[in-house]
């Protein structure tokens, strides 16, 4: 616990440096960018921060695509547009390669077995496996859902359902229209358990 006192300070300094201007963003070494990402998304790419997704093991193309959408202002998430501003395409690819190569680990959140079982029954007719694969590990532009944070999955699926996610795939909104909050939670427990 005593080792972590510096993390908020380091994150604040790194964010201030990024927000100070694009020239620094373009010259920051990859290792420093990775540390900056790790402050929220986990040093090993597995998030321990509520409502912040894990990046480890995500498909590389998915990560590049999301970083591009952040940089271009198409997908709006506080902080992400600023952190990606000024990065070149090669920078986005290097970050995506790094996080895609990391091992996805289970979230530390408690998975409710009954909810996960109900979520499995819901996922089949909703055809989640047709895009995210039967293992829910994702492919191409489809994200890995397996081992993802439950709270983040609930947040994301609710945004898709409510058409509140900028830069989102409209197919996901179509799949989730009319799905109840309880069913979204069940799907999240199931996906996280995989």
N, C-alpha and C. Protein backbone atom coordinates (compact mmCIF):
# COMPACT_ATOMS: atom_id res chain seq x y z
N UNK A 1 0.81 -1.19 0.00
CA UNK A 1 0.00 0.00 0.00
C UNK A 1 0.87 1.26 0.00
N UNK A 2 1.95 1.26 0.73
CA UNK A 2 2.79 2.45 0.79
C UNK A 2 3.48 2.74 -0.54
N UNK A 3 3.65 1.73 -1.39
CA UNK A 3 4.28 1.94 -2.68
C UNK A 3 3.39 2.74 -3.63
N UNK A 4 2.10 2.75 -3.42
CA UNK A 4 1.18 3.33 -4.39
C UNK A 4 0.89 4.81 -4.16
N UNK A 5 1.48 5.43 -3.16
CA UNK A 5 1.19 6.83 -2.87
C UNK A 5 1.53 7.74 -4.04
N UNK A 6 2.48 7.37 -4.86
CA UNK A 6 2.96 8.21 -5.94
C UNK A 6 2.08 8.13 -7.19
N UNK A 7 1.24 7.10 -7.29
CA UNK A 7 0.48 6.90 -8.53
C UNK A 7 -0.42 8.09 -8.89
N UNK A 8 -1.22 8.63 -7.94
CA UNK A 8 -2.05 9.78 -8.31
C UNK A 8 -1.19 10.97 -8.76
N UNK A 9 -0.07 11.18 -8.09
CA UNK A 9 0.82 12.28 -8.46
C UNK A 9 1.39 12.06 -9.86
N UNK A 10 1.86 10.85 -10.13
CA UNK A 10 2.43 10.54 -11.44
C UNK A 10 1.38 10.67 -12.54
N UNK A 11 0.17 10.17 -12.27
CA UNK A 11 -0.90 10.29 -13.26
C UNK A 11 -1.22 11.75 -13.52
N UNK A 12 -1.30 12.54 -12.45
CA UNK A 12 -1.59 13.97 -12.60
C UNK A 12 -0.53 14.69 -13.40
N UNK A 13 0.74 14.40 -13.13
CA UNK A 13 1.83 15.04 -13.86
C UNK A 13 1.84 14.62 -15.33
N UNK A 14 1.62 13.33 -15.57
CA UNK A 14 1.61 12.84 -16.95
C UNK A 14 0.43 13.43 -17.71
N UNK A 15 -0.74 13.47 -17.08
CA UNK A 15 -1.92 14.04 -17.74
C UNK A 15 -1.70 15.53 -18.01
N UNK A 16 -1.12 16.24 -17.05
CA UNK A 16 -0.85 17.67 -17.24
C UNK A 16 0.09 17.86 -18.43
N UNK A 17 1.08 16.99 -18.54
CA UNK A 17 2.02 17.08 -19.66
C UNK A 17 1.29 16.86 -20.99
N UNK A 18 0.39 15.86 -21.01
CA UNK A 18 -0.36 15.60 -22.23
C UNK A 18 -1.28 16.77 -22.57
N UNK A 19 -1.97 17.29 -21.55
CA UNK A 19 -2.91 18.36 -21.80
C UNK A 19 -2.20 19.65 -22.18
N UNK A 20 -0.92 19.76 -21.88
CA UNK A 20 -0.16 20.97 -22.17
C UNK A 20 0.00 21.20 -23.67
N UNK A 21 -0.04 20.15 -24.47
CA UNK A 21 0.05 20.37 -25.91
C UNK A 21 0.46 19.14 -26.68
N UNK A 22 0.10 19.16 -27.95
CA UNK A 22 0.36 18.04 -28.83
C UNK A 22 1.85 17.77 -29.06
N UNK A 23 2.73 18.77 -29.10
CA UNK A 23 4.13 18.45 -29.36
C UNK A 23 4.71 17.44 -28.37
N UNK A 24 4.36 17.57 -27.08
CA UNK A 24 4.86 16.62 -26.10
C UNK A 24 4.25 15.23 -26.35
N UNK A 25 2.96 15.22 -26.69
CA UNK A 25 2.31 13.94 -26.96
C UNK A 25 3.01 13.21 -28.10
N UNK A 26 3.47 13.96 -29.07
CA UNK A 26 4.13 13.34 -30.22
C UNK A 26 5.54 12.85 -29.89
N UNK A 27 6.15 13.39 -28.83
CA UNK A 27 7.52 13.01 -28.52
C UNK A 27 7.64 12.09 -27.31
N UNK A 28 6.55 11.85 -26.60
CA UNK A 28 6.61 11.00 -25.41
C UNK A 28 6.95 9.57 -25.83
N UNK A 29 7.95 8.95 -25.21
CA UNK A 29 8.32 7.58 -25.55
C UNK A 29 7.16 6.61 -25.27
N UNK A 30 7.12 5.54 -26.04
CA UNK A 30 6.06 4.54 -25.92
C UNK A 30 5.94 4.03 -24.49
N UNK A 31 7.05 3.76 -23.83
CA UNK A 31 7.01 3.23 -22.47
C UNK A 31 6.29 4.18 -21.52
N UNK A 32 6.47 5.48 -21.71
CA UNK A 32 5.77 6.45 -20.86
C UNK A 32 4.28 6.50 -21.18
N UNK A 33 3.94 6.38 -22.45
CA UNK A 33 2.53 6.35 -22.84
C UNK A 33 1.84 5.13 -22.23
N UNK A 34 2.54 4.00 -22.26
CA UNK A 34 1.98 2.77 -21.70
C UNK A 34 1.75 2.93 -20.20
N UNK A 35 2.68 3.54 -19.50
CA UNK A 35 2.50 3.78 -18.06
C UNK A 35 1.31 4.69 -17.80
N UNK A 36 1.17 5.70 -18.64
CA UNK A 36 0.04 6.61 -18.49
C UNK A 36 -1.28 5.85 -18.68
N UNK A 37 -1.35 5.01 -19.68
CA UNK A 37 -2.55 4.19 -19.91
C UNK A 37 -2.80 3.27 -18.71
N UNK A 38 -1.71 2.69 -18.20
CA UNK A 38 -1.81 1.75 -17.09
C UNK A 38 -2.31 2.35 -15.80
N UNK A 39 -2.16 3.66 -15.65
CA UNK A 39 -2.65 4.31 -14.43
C UNK A 39 -4.15 4.11 -14.25
N UNK A 40 -4.89 4.04 -15.33
CA UNK A 40 -6.34 3.81 -15.26
C UNK A 40 -6.72 2.38 -15.67
N UNK A 41 -6.08 1.88 -16.72
CA UNK A 41 -6.46 0.58 -17.29
C UNK A 41 -5.69 -0.59 -16.67
N UNK A 42 -4.84 -0.32 -15.69
CA UNK A 42 -4.07 -1.36 -15.02
C UNK A 42 -2.69 -1.48 -15.63
N UNK A 43 -1.68 -1.62 -14.77
CA UNK A 43 -0.30 -1.73 -15.26
C UNK A 43 -0.11 -2.89 -16.21
N UNK A 44 -0.89 -3.96 -16.00
CA UNK A 44 -0.81 -5.13 -16.88
C UNK A 44 -1.96 -5.15 -17.89
N UNK A 45 -2.67 -4.00 -18.01
CA UNK A 45 -3.79 -3.90 -18.94
C UNK A 45 -5.09 -4.44 -18.39
N UNK A 46 -5.08 -4.94 -17.15
CA UNK A 46 -6.28 -5.48 -16.51
C UNK A 46 -6.74 -4.47 -15.46
N UNK A 47 -7.82 -3.79 -15.76
CA UNK A 47 -8.30 -2.69 -14.93
C UNK A 47 -8.80 -3.16 -13.57
N UNK A 48 -8.45 -2.40 -12.57
CA UNK A 48 -8.98 -2.59 -11.21
C UNK A 48 -9.79 -1.36 -10.81
N UNK A 49 -10.02 -0.47 -11.77
CA UNK A 49 -10.72 0.79 -11.53
C UNK A 49 -12.16 0.66 -12.01
N UNK A 50 -13.13 0.98 -11.14
CA UNK A 50 -14.53 0.88 -11.54
C UNK A 50 -14.83 1.62 -12.84
N UNK A 51 -15.59 0.95 -13.69
CA UNK A 51 -16.06 1.49 -14.97
C UNK A 51 -14.96 1.85 -15.96
N UNK A 52 -13.76 1.36 -15.73
CA UNK A 52 -12.66 1.54 -16.68
C UNK A 52 -12.36 0.16 -17.28
N UNK A 53 -12.41 0.02 -18.61
CA UNK A 53 -12.24 -1.30 -19.20
C UNK A 53 -10.81 -1.83 -19.13
N UNK A 54 -10.71 -3.14 -19.12
CA UNK A 54 -9.42 -3.80 -19.29
C UNK A 54 -9.08 -3.79 -20.77
N UNK A 55 -7.80 -3.55 -21.07
CA UNK A 55 -7.34 -3.53 -22.46
C UNK A 55 -6.56 -4.80 -22.82
N UNK A 56 -6.06 -5.50 -21.82
CA UNK A 56 -5.24 -6.69 -22.07
C UNK A 56 -6.04 -7.72 -22.87
N UNK A 57 -5.40 -8.24 -23.91
CA UNK A 57 -6.00 -9.30 -24.70
C UNK A 57 -7.10 -8.85 -25.64
N UNK A 58 -7.31 -7.55 -25.77
CA UNK A 58 -8.30 -7.08 -26.73
C UNK A 58 -7.73 -7.27 -28.14
N UNK A 59 -8.57 -7.51 -29.13
CA UNK A 59 -8.06 -7.61 -30.50
C UNK A 59 -7.36 -6.31 -30.90
N UNK A 60 -6.22 -6.45 -31.52
CA UNK A 60 -5.42 -5.29 -31.89
C UNK A 60 -6.19 -4.30 -32.76
N UNK A 61 -6.92 -4.82 -33.75
CA UNK A 61 -7.67 -3.94 -34.64
C UNK A 61 -8.73 -3.16 -33.86
N UNK A 62 -9.39 -3.81 -32.91
CA UNK A 62 -10.37 -3.13 -32.08
C UNK A 62 -9.73 -1.96 -31.34
N UNK A 63 -8.57 -2.20 -30.72
CA UNK A 63 -7.89 -1.15 -29.97
C UNK A 63 -7.45 0.01 -30.87
N UNK A 64 -6.89 -0.30 -32.02
CA UNK A 64 -6.48 0.76 -32.95
C UNK A 64 -7.70 1.59 -33.34
N UNK A 65 -8.78 0.92 -33.66
CA UNK A 65 -10.00 1.60 -34.07
C UNK A 65 -10.52 2.53 -32.97
N UNK A 66 -10.54 2.04 -31.73
CA UNK A 66 -11.03 2.88 -30.63
C UNK A 66 -10.11 4.08 -30.39
N UNK A 67 -8.81 3.85 -30.42
CA UNK A 67 -7.86 4.96 -30.24
C UNK A 67 -8.03 6.01 -31.34
N UNK A 68 -8.23 5.54 -32.56
CA UNK A 68 -8.46 6.46 -33.68
C UNK A 68 -9.73 7.27 -33.44
N UNK A 69 -10.82 6.60 -33.02
CA UNK A 69 -12.08 7.30 -32.77
C UNK A 69 -11.93 8.34 -31.66
N UNK A 70 -11.14 8.02 -30.62
CA UNK A 70 -10.87 8.99 -29.56
C UNK A 70 -10.09 10.18 -30.11
N UNK A 71 -9.02 9.87 -30.84
CA UNK A 71 -8.15 10.94 -31.36
C UNK A 71 -8.92 11.89 -32.27
N UNK A 72 -9.79 11.34 -33.09
CA UNK A 72 -10.53 12.15 -34.05
C UNK A 72 -11.77 12.81 -33.45
N UNK A 73 -12.06 12.52 -32.17
CA UNK A 73 -13.21 13.14 -31.51
C UNK A 73 -14.54 12.51 -31.85
N UNK A 74 -14.52 11.37 -32.52
CA UNK A 74 -15.77 10.68 -32.88
C UNK A 74 -16.37 9.99 -31.66
N UNK A 75 -15.53 9.33 -30.89
CA UNK A 75 -15.97 8.71 -29.64
C UNK A 75 -15.50 9.62 -28.51
N UNK A 76 -16.45 10.07 -27.72
CA UNK A 76 -16.15 11.06 -26.68
C UNK A 76 -16.20 10.41 -25.30
N UNK A 77 -15.03 10.30 -24.70
CA UNK A 77 -14.90 9.82 -23.32
C UNK A 77 -13.97 10.80 -22.63
N UNK A 78 -14.42 11.37 -21.51
CA UNK A 78 -13.57 12.38 -20.84
C UNK A 78 -12.13 11.91 -20.67
N UNK A 79 -11.21 12.73 -21.13
CA UNK A 79 -9.79 12.44 -21.00
C UNK A 79 -9.18 11.71 -22.18
N UNK A 80 -9.92 10.83 -22.80
CA UNK A 80 -9.32 10.00 -23.87
C UNK A 80 -8.99 10.82 -25.13
N UNK A 81 -9.85 11.74 -25.49
CA UNK A 81 -9.55 12.56 -26.67
C UNK A 81 -8.29 13.38 -26.43
N UNK A 82 -8.17 13.93 -25.22
CA UNK A 82 -6.99 14.73 -24.89
C UNK A 82 -5.72 13.87 -24.86
N UNK A 83 -5.85 12.65 -24.34
CA UNK A 83 -4.68 11.78 -24.24
C UNK A 83 -4.22 11.23 -25.59
N UNK A 84 -5.13 11.20 -26.56
CA UNK A 84 -4.75 10.69 -27.88
C UNK A 84 -4.49 11.81 -28.89
N UNK A 85 -4.81 13.03 -28.52
CA UNK A 85 -4.60 14.17 -29.43
C UNK A 85 -3.12 14.25 -29.82
N UNK A 86 -2.89 14.42 -31.10
CA UNK A 86 -1.53 14.59 -31.58
C UNK A 86 -0.76 13.29 -31.81
N UNK A 87 -1.32 12.17 -31.39
CA UNK A 87 -0.62 10.91 -31.64
C UNK A 87 -0.74 10.53 -33.11
N UNK A 88 0.34 10.02 -33.64
CA UNK A 88 0.35 9.58 -35.03
C UNK A 88 -0.24 8.18 -35.12
N UNK A 89 -0.60 7.78 -36.33
CA UNK A 89 -1.16 6.44 -36.53
C UNK A 89 -0.23 5.36 -35.99
N UNK A 90 1.08 5.52 -36.22
CA UNK A 90 2.04 4.53 -35.73
C UNK A 90 2.02 4.44 -34.21
N UNK A 91 1.77 5.57 -33.53
CA UNK A 91 1.66 5.56 -32.07
C UNK A 91 0.45 4.74 -31.62
N UNK A 92 -0.66 4.94 -32.32
CA UNK A 92 -1.88 4.21 -31.98
C UNK A 92 -1.68 2.71 -32.18
N UNK A 93 -1.03 2.35 -33.27
CA UNK A 93 -0.77 0.93 -33.56
C UNK A 93 0.17 0.34 -32.50
N UNK A 94 1.20 1.08 -32.11
CA UNK A 94 2.14 0.57 -31.10
C UNK A 94 1.44 0.33 -29.77
N UNK A 95 0.58 1.26 -29.35
CA UNK A 95 -0.17 1.08 -28.10
C UNK A 95 -1.10 -0.13 -28.21
N UNK A 96 -1.79 -0.25 -29.33
CA UNK A 96 -2.71 -1.38 -29.52
C UNK A 96 -1.96 -2.71 -29.50
N UNK A 97 -0.82 -2.79 -30.18
CA UNK A 97 -0.02 -4.03 -30.19
C UNK A 97 0.40 -4.41 -28.76
N UNK A 98 0.82 -3.42 -27.99
CA UNK A 98 1.26 -3.70 -26.62
C UNK A 98 0.13 -4.31 -25.80
N UNK A 99 -1.02 -3.66 -25.77
CA UNK A 99 -2.11 -4.14 -24.92
C UNK A 99 -2.74 -5.42 -25.45
N UNK A 100 -2.80 -5.58 -26.77
CA UNK A 100 -3.35 -6.81 -27.34
C UNK A 100 -2.52 -8.03 -26.97
N UNK A 101 -1.21 -7.84 -26.78
CA UNK A 101 -0.31 -8.95 -26.47
C UNK A 101 -0.34 -9.36 -24.99
N UNK A 102 -0.96 -8.55 -24.14
CA UNK A 102 -0.99 -8.87 -22.71
C UNK A 102 -2.07 -9.90 -22.40
N UNK A 103 -1.86 -10.66 -21.35
CA UNK A 103 -2.82 -11.69 -20.93
C UNK A 103 -4.02 -11.06 -20.23
N UNK A 104 -5.20 -11.40 -20.71
CA UNK A 104 -6.43 -10.95 -20.04
C UNK A 104 -6.62 -11.79 -18.79
N UNK A 105 -6.86 -11.10 -17.68
CA UNK A 105 -7.07 -11.79 -16.40
C UNK A 105 -8.46 -11.48 -15.89
N UNK A 106 -9.04 -12.39 -15.11
CA UNK A 106 -10.39 -12.14 -14.59
C UNK A 106 -10.45 -10.88 -13.73
N UNK A 107 -11.56 -10.22 -13.82
CA UNK A 107 -11.82 -9.07 -12.95
C UNK A 107 -11.91 -9.57 -11.52
N UNK A 108 -11.59 -8.72 -10.58
CA UNK A 108 -11.69 -9.10 -9.16
C UNK A 108 -13.13 -8.96 -8.64
N UNK A 109 -14.05 -8.54 -9.50
CA UNK A 109 -15.44 -8.38 -9.09
C UNK A 109 -16.08 -9.75 -8.85
N UNK A 110 -16.99 -9.81 -7.91
CA UNK A 110 -17.68 -11.06 -7.60
C UNK A 110 -18.70 -11.37 -8.70
N UNK A 111 -18.59 -12.56 -9.27
CA UNK A 111 -19.53 -13.00 -10.30
C UNK A 111 -20.64 -13.80 -9.62
N UNK A 112 -21.87 -13.39 -9.89
CA UNK A 112 -23.02 -14.10 -9.34
C UNK A 112 -23.33 -15.28 -10.26
N UNK A 113 -23.18 -16.53 -9.77
CA UNK A 113 -23.38 -17.70 -10.63
C UNK A 113 -24.78 -17.78 -11.25
N UNK A 114 -25.81 -17.39 -10.49
CA UNK A 114 -27.17 -17.44 -11.02
C UNK A 114 -27.34 -16.43 -12.16
N UNK A 115 -26.79 -15.24 -11.97
CA UNK A 115 -26.86 -14.23 -13.04
C UNK A 115 -26.07 -14.68 -14.26
N UNK A 116 -24.91 -15.26 -14.04
CA UNK A 116 -24.09 -15.74 -15.17
C UNK A 116 -24.82 -16.82 -15.95
N UNK A 117 -25.50 -17.71 -15.24
CA UNK A 117 -26.26 -18.78 -15.91
C UNK A 117 -27.40 -18.19 -16.73
N UNK A 118 -28.10 -17.22 -16.15
CA UNK A 118 -29.18 -16.56 -16.87
C UNK A 118 -28.62 -15.79 -18.07
N UNK A 119 -27.46 -15.16 -17.90
CA UNK A 119 -26.84 -14.44 -18.99
C UNK A 119 -26.44 -15.35 -20.14
N UNK A 120 -25.99 -16.56 -19.81
CA UNK A 120 -25.64 -17.54 -20.86
C UNK A 120 -26.86 -17.90 -21.68
N UNK A 121 -28.00 -18.06 -21.00
CA UNK A 121 -29.24 -18.39 -21.70
C UNK A 121 -29.70 -17.23 -22.58
N UNK A 122 -29.45 -16.01 -22.15
CA UNK A 122 -29.82 -14.83 -22.95
C UNK A 122 -28.87 -14.63 -24.13
N UNK A 123 -27.61 -14.92 -23.93
CA UNK A 123 -26.58 -14.66 -24.95
C UNK A 123 -26.79 -15.51 -26.20
N UNK A 124 -27.30 -16.71 -26.02
CA UNK A 124 -27.47 -17.59 -27.19
C UNK A 124 -28.47 -17.02 -28.20
N UNK A 125 -29.71 -16.71 -27.80
CA UNK A 125 -30.64 -16.17 -28.80
C UNK A 125 -30.26 -14.76 -29.28
N UNK A 126 -29.48 -14.05 -28.48
CA UNK A 126 -29.03 -12.71 -28.89
C UNK A 126 -27.84 -12.80 -29.85
N UNK A 127 -27.31 -14.01 -30.00
CA UNK A 127 -26.22 -14.30 -30.93
C UNK A 127 -24.93 -13.55 -30.64
N UNK A 128 -24.62 -13.38 -29.36
CA UNK A 128 -23.38 -12.70 -28.95
C UNK A 128 -22.15 -13.38 -29.54
N UNK A 129 -22.19 -14.71 -29.61
CA UNK A 129 -21.04 -15.49 -30.08
C UNK A 129 -20.78 -15.30 -31.57
N UNK A 130 -21.77 -14.86 -32.33
CA UNK A 130 -21.54 -14.73 -33.77
C UNK A 130 -20.56 -13.61 -34.09
N UNK A 131 -20.51 -12.58 -33.28
CA UNK A 131 -19.55 -11.48 -33.50
C UNK A 131 -18.36 -11.54 -32.55
N UNK A 132 -18.64 -11.84 -31.28
CA UNK A 132 -17.59 -11.82 -30.25
C UNK A 132 -16.92 -13.19 -30.09
N UNK A 133 -17.32 -14.16 -30.88
CA UNK A 133 -16.85 -15.55 -30.87
C UNK A 133 -17.45 -16.32 -29.69
N UNK A 134 -17.54 -17.65 -29.80
CA UNK A 134 -18.10 -18.45 -28.70
C UNK A 134 -17.36 -18.27 -27.37
N UNK A 135 -16.07 -17.99 -27.44
CA UNK A 135 -15.27 -17.78 -26.23
C UNK A 135 -15.43 -16.36 -25.68
N UNK A 136 -16.11 -15.50 -26.44
CA UNK A 136 -16.28 -14.07 -26.13
C UNK A 136 -14.95 -13.33 -26.04
N UNK A 137 -13.93 -13.84 -26.75
CA UNK A 137 -12.62 -13.19 -26.76
C UNK A 137 -12.50 -12.12 -27.84
N UNK A 138 -13.53 -11.96 -28.65
CA UNK A 138 -13.53 -10.92 -29.66
C UNK A 138 -12.70 -11.26 -30.88
N UNK A 139 -12.87 -10.43 -31.89
CA UNK A 139 -12.13 -10.60 -33.15
C UNK A 139 -12.22 -9.31 -33.94
N UNK A 140 -11.18 -9.02 -34.69
CA UNK A 140 -11.16 -7.82 -35.53
C UNK A 140 -11.65 -6.60 -34.74
N UNK A 141 -12.78 -5.97 -35.19
CA UNK A 141 -13.27 -4.78 -34.51
C UNK A 141 -14.24 -5.10 -33.38
N UNK A 142 -14.43 -6.38 -33.09
CA UNK A 142 -15.33 -6.79 -32.00
C UNK A 142 -14.51 -7.01 -30.73
N UNK A 143 -14.86 -6.33 -29.64
CA UNK A 143 -14.05 -6.42 -28.43
C UNK A 143 -14.17 -7.74 -27.69
N UNK A 144 -13.15 -8.01 -26.89
CA UNK A 144 -13.18 -9.13 -25.96
C UNK A 144 -14.13 -8.75 -24.83
N UNK A 145 -15.10 -9.62 -24.56
CA UNK A 145 -16.01 -9.43 -23.43
C UNK A 145 -15.60 -10.32 -22.26
N UNK A 146 -15.00 -11.45 -22.58
CA UNK A 146 -14.58 -12.40 -21.55
C UNK A 146 -13.60 -11.73 -20.59
N UNK A 147 -13.80 -11.95 -19.31
CA UNK A 147 -12.94 -11.43 -18.24
C UNK A 147 -12.95 -9.91 -18.12
N UNK A 148 -13.85 -9.26 -18.82
CA UNK A 148 -13.96 -7.80 -18.73
C UNK A 148 -14.63 -7.43 -17.41
N UNK A 149 -14.44 -6.22 -16.96
CA UNK A 149 -15.08 -5.74 -15.73
C UNK A 149 -16.60 -5.77 -15.89
N UNK A 150 -17.29 -6.28 -14.88
CA UNK A 150 -18.75 -6.36 -14.90
C UNK A 150 -19.35 -4.96 -14.96
N UNK A 151 -18.86 -4.06 -14.11
CA UNK A 151 -19.45 -2.72 -14.08
C UNK A 151 -19.27 -2.01 -15.42
N UNK A 152 -18.13 -2.22 -16.06
CA UNK A 152 -17.91 -1.59 -17.36
C UNK A 152 -18.84 -2.19 -18.42
N UNK A 153 -19.02 -3.50 -18.41
CA UNK A 153 -19.92 -4.15 -19.36
C UNK A 153 -21.35 -3.63 -19.19
N UNK A 154 -21.80 -3.51 -17.94
CA UNK A 154 -23.14 -2.98 -17.68
C UNK A 154 -23.25 -1.56 -18.22
N UNK A 155 -22.26 -0.74 -17.92
CA UNK A 155 -22.26 0.65 -18.39
C UNK A 155 -22.30 0.70 -19.92
N UNK A 156 -21.46 -0.07 -20.56
CA UNK A 156 -21.37 -0.04 -22.03
C UNK A 156 -22.66 -0.53 -22.68
N UNK A 157 -23.16 -1.67 -22.20
CA UNK A 157 -24.39 -2.20 -22.81
C UNK A 157 -25.56 -1.25 -22.59
N UNK A 158 -25.61 -0.60 -21.44
CA UNK A 158 -26.68 0.37 -21.18
C UNK A 158 -26.55 1.55 -22.13
N UNK A 159 -25.33 2.01 -22.37
CA UNK A 159 -25.13 3.10 -23.33
C UNK A 159 -25.56 2.69 -24.73
N UNK A 160 -25.20 1.48 -25.14
CA UNK A 160 -25.64 1.00 -26.46
C UNK A 160 -27.16 0.96 -26.53
N UNK A 161 -27.78 0.36 -25.53
CA UNK A 161 -29.25 0.22 -25.51
C UNK A 161 -29.93 1.58 -25.58
N UNK A 162 -29.41 2.54 -24.83
CA UNK A 162 -30.03 3.85 -24.73
C UNK A 162 -29.56 4.82 -25.82
N UNK A 163 -28.77 4.31 -26.77
CA UNK A 163 -28.23 5.12 -27.86
C UNK A 163 -27.51 6.35 -27.33
N UNK A 164 -26.68 6.12 -26.30
CA UNK A 164 -25.96 7.21 -25.64
C UNK A 164 -24.45 7.11 -25.80
N UNK A 165 -23.98 6.28 -26.71
CA UNK A 165 -22.54 6.07 -26.88
C UNK A 165 -22.10 6.66 -28.21
N UNK A 166 -21.31 7.70 -28.16
CA UNK A 166 -20.84 8.32 -29.40
C UNK A 166 -19.86 7.40 -30.10
N UNK A 167 -19.90 7.41 -31.41
CA UNK A 167 -18.98 6.60 -32.21
C UNK A 167 -19.22 5.11 -32.09
N UNK A 168 -20.43 4.73 -31.68
CA UNK A 168 -20.72 3.32 -31.42
C UNK A 168 -21.19 2.58 -32.66
N UNK A 169 -21.02 1.28 -32.63
CA UNK A 169 -21.52 0.38 -33.65
C UNK A 169 -23.04 0.30 -33.49
N UNK A 170 -23.78 0.72 -34.50
CA UNK A 170 -25.24 0.73 -34.39
C UNK A 170 -25.81 -0.68 -34.27
N UNK A 171 -25.07 -1.69 -34.72
CA UNK A 171 -25.55 -3.07 -34.58
C UNK A 171 -25.75 -3.42 -33.11
N UNK A 172 -24.84 -2.98 -32.25
CA UNK A 172 -24.99 -3.28 -30.82
C UNK A 172 -26.22 -2.58 -30.24
N UNK A 173 -26.49 -1.38 -30.67
CA UNK A 173 -27.69 -0.68 -30.21
C UNK A 173 -28.94 -1.46 -30.63
N UNK A 174 -28.94 -1.96 -31.86
CA UNK A 174 -30.08 -2.75 -32.35
C UNK A 174 -30.26 -4.03 -31.54
N UNK A 175 -29.18 -4.69 -31.18
CA UNK A 175 -29.26 -5.94 -30.42
C UNK A 175 -29.81 -5.70 -29.02
N UNK A 176 -29.47 -4.56 -28.43
CA UNK A 176 -29.81 -4.31 -27.02
C UNK A 176 -31.08 -3.49 -26.81
N UNK A 177 -31.73 -3.05 -27.88
CA UNK A 177 -32.97 -2.29 -27.72
C UNK A 177 -33.98 -3.14 -26.94
N UNK A 178 -34.53 -2.55 -25.88
CA UNK A 178 -35.56 -3.22 -25.11
C UNK A 178 -35.07 -4.21 -24.07
N UNK A 179 -33.75 -4.42 -23.97
CA UNK A 179 -33.21 -5.36 -22.98
C UNK A 179 -33.24 -4.67 -21.61
N UNK A 180 -33.77 -5.37 -20.62
CA UNK A 180 -33.92 -4.78 -19.29
C UNK A 180 -32.57 -4.63 -18.59
N UNK A 181 -32.56 -3.77 -17.57
CA UNK A 181 -31.36 -3.59 -16.76
C UNK A 181 -30.92 -4.92 -16.13
N UNK A 182 -31.89 -5.71 -15.65
CA UNK A 182 -31.56 -7.00 -15.04
C UNK A 182 -30.93 -7.95 -16.05
N UNK A 183 -31.44 -7.96 -17.27
CA UNK A 183 -30.86 -8.82 -18.31
C UNK A 183 -29.47 -8.34 -18.72
N UNK A 184 -29.28 -7.04 -18.78
CA UNK A 184 -27.94 -6.50 -19.07
C UNK A 184 -26.96 -6.94 -17.99
N UNK A 185 -27.37 -6.86 -16.74
CA UNK A 185 -26.50 -7.29 -15.64
C UNK A 185 -26.18 -8.77 -15.76
N UNK A 186 -27.17 -9.58 -16.11
CA UNK A 186 -26.95 -11.02 -16.27
C UNK A 186 -25.95 -11.28 -17.40
N UNK A 187 -26.10 -10.59 -18.52
CA UNK A 187 -25.17 -10.74 -19.64
C UNK A 187 -23.75 -10.34 -19.22
N UNK A 188 -23.64 -9.29 -18.43
CA UNK A 188 -22.32 -8.84 -17.96
C UNK A 188 -21.67 -9.88 -17.06
N UNK A 189 -22.42 -10.48 -16.15
CA UNK A 189 -21.88 -11.51 -15.27
C UNK A 189 -21.44 -12.71 -16.09
N UNK A 190 -22.24 -13.08 -17.09
CA UNK A 190 -21.88 -14.21 -17.94
C UNK A 190 -20.59 -13.92 -18.71
N UNK A 191 -20.52 -12.78 -19.38
CA UNK A 191 -19.34 -12.44 -20.18
C UNK A 191 -18.09 -12.39 -19.32
N UNK A 192 -18.20 -11.75 -18.18
CA UNK A 192 -17.03 -11.63 -17.29
C UNK A 192 -16.55 -13.00 -16.78
N UNK A 193 -17.47 -13.94 -16.67
CA UNK A 193 -17.13 -15.27 -16.15
C UNK A 193 -16.40 -16.15 -17.16
N UNK A 194 -16.39 -15.76 -18.42
CA UNK A 194 -15.82 -16.60 -19.49
C UNK A 194 -14.31 -16.52 -19.50
